[in-house]
Amino acid sequence: MESAFIIPNKGAMVRDPNTKEPLPIHGKTVTLLGTEGRYWRRRIRDKAVKIGSPSVAPEIKKSKDKREFKRNKGE
């Protein structure tokens, strides 16, 4: 296995070793090879993250309804 989709366990805050940013709660695909892979394999062993599968996040739909409020002029 060269890569895996990992998800942080509840209550765990795990940082990406490259970006130093926290791992998103919805997960991320990472490599399990090389130095970076060693880091992620330790996080899996420590149960800070778990291997999962990407879920389809619901898309936020933007309203196409652009209502313009017109003032009623009493002329």
Protein backbone atom coordinates (compact mmCIF):
# COMPACT_ATOMS: atom_id res chain seq x y z
CA MET A 1 0.00 0.00 0.00
CA GLU A 2 1.59 3.23 -1.16
CA SER A 3 -1.07 5.66 0.04
CA ALA A 4 -4.06 5.71 2.34
CA PHE A 5 -6.98 7.94 3.17
CA ILE A 6 -6.68 8.83 6.84
CA ILE A 7 -9.14 10.46 9.22
CA PRO A 8 -8.23 11.90 12.63
CA ASN A 9 -9.82 10.07 15.56
CA LYS A 10 -12.26 11.99 17.70
CA GLY A 11 -10.45 14.37 20.03
CA ALA A 12 -7.09 14.01 18.26
CA MET A 13 -5.43 16.99 16.61
CA VAL A 14 -2.78 15.76 14.18
CA ARG A 15 -0.64 18.09 12.10
CA ASP A 16 0.51 17.44 8.57
CA PRO A 17 4.33 17.14 8.72
CA ASN A 18 4.78 19.21 5.54
CA THR A 19 2.32 22.05 5.98
CA LYS A 20 2.15 22.02 9.80
CA GLU A 21 -1.62 22.53 9.40
CA PRO A 22 -4.08 20.35 11.34
CA LEU A 23 -5.40 17.33 9.46
CA PRO A 24 -8.91 18.14 8.17
CA ILE A 25 -11.68 16.39 10.11
CA HIS A 26 -13.02 14.97 6.84
CA GLY A 27 -9.63 13.30 6.17
CA LYS A 28 -6.88 13.39 3.58
CA THR A 29 -5.01 11.02 1.27
CA VAL A 30 -1.39 10.63 2.35
CA THR A 31 1.60 8.59 1.24
CA LEU A 32 2.81 5.75 3.41
CA LEU A 33 6.27 5.64 1.81
CA GLY A 34 9.47 7.37 2.85
CA THR A 35 9.96 9.75 5.74
CA GLU A 36 6.45 11.19 5.48
CA GLY A 37 5.03 7.67 5.41
CA ARG A 38 6.90 6.80 8.58
CA TYR A 39 5.22 9.73 10.32
CA TRP A 40 1.73 8.63 9.22
CA ARG A 41 2.34 4.97 10.09
CA ARG A 42 3.28 6.08 13.64
CA ARG A 43 0.07 8.14 13.88
CA ILE A 44 -1.92 5.06 12.76
CA ARG A 45 -0.13 2.85 15.30
CA ASP A 46 -0.72 5.43 18.07
CA LYS A 47 -4.43 5.51 17.10
CA ALA A 48 -4.34 9.26 16.49
CA VAL A 49 -5.70 8.60 12.98
CA LYS A 50 -7.54 5.76 11.32
CA ILE A 51 -7.59 4.49 7.77
CA GLY A 52 -10.94 5.13 6.15
CA SER A 53 -12.47 5.93 2.83
CA PRO A 54 -13.27 9.33 1.41
CA SER A 55 -16.89 10.26 1.85
CA VAL A 56 -18.67 12.57 -0.47
CA ALA A 57 -19.18 15.79 1.41
CA PRO A 58 -22.48 17.47 0.72
CA GLU A 59 -21.99 20.40 -1.58
CA ILE A 60 -23.12 23.78 -0.44
CA LYS A 61 -25.54 25.04 -3.00
CA LYS A 62 -25.49 28.72 -3.69
CA SER A 63 -28.81 30.30 -4.28
CA LYS A 64 -29.28 31.42 -7.85
CA ASP A 65 -32.32 33.37 -6.80
CA LYS A 66 -31.13 36.95 -6.70
CA ARG A 67 -34.06 38.87 -5.40
CA GLU A 68 -33.97 42.57 -5.65
CA PHE A 69 -36.01 44.44 -3.14
CA LYS A 70 -37.71 47.41 -4.71
CA ARG A 71 -39.04 50.30 -2.74
CA ASN A 72 -42.63 51.08 -3.22
CA LYS A 73 -42.74 54.77 -4.06
CA GLY A 74 -46.08 56.32 -3.31
CA GLU A 75 -46.14 58.79 -6.17
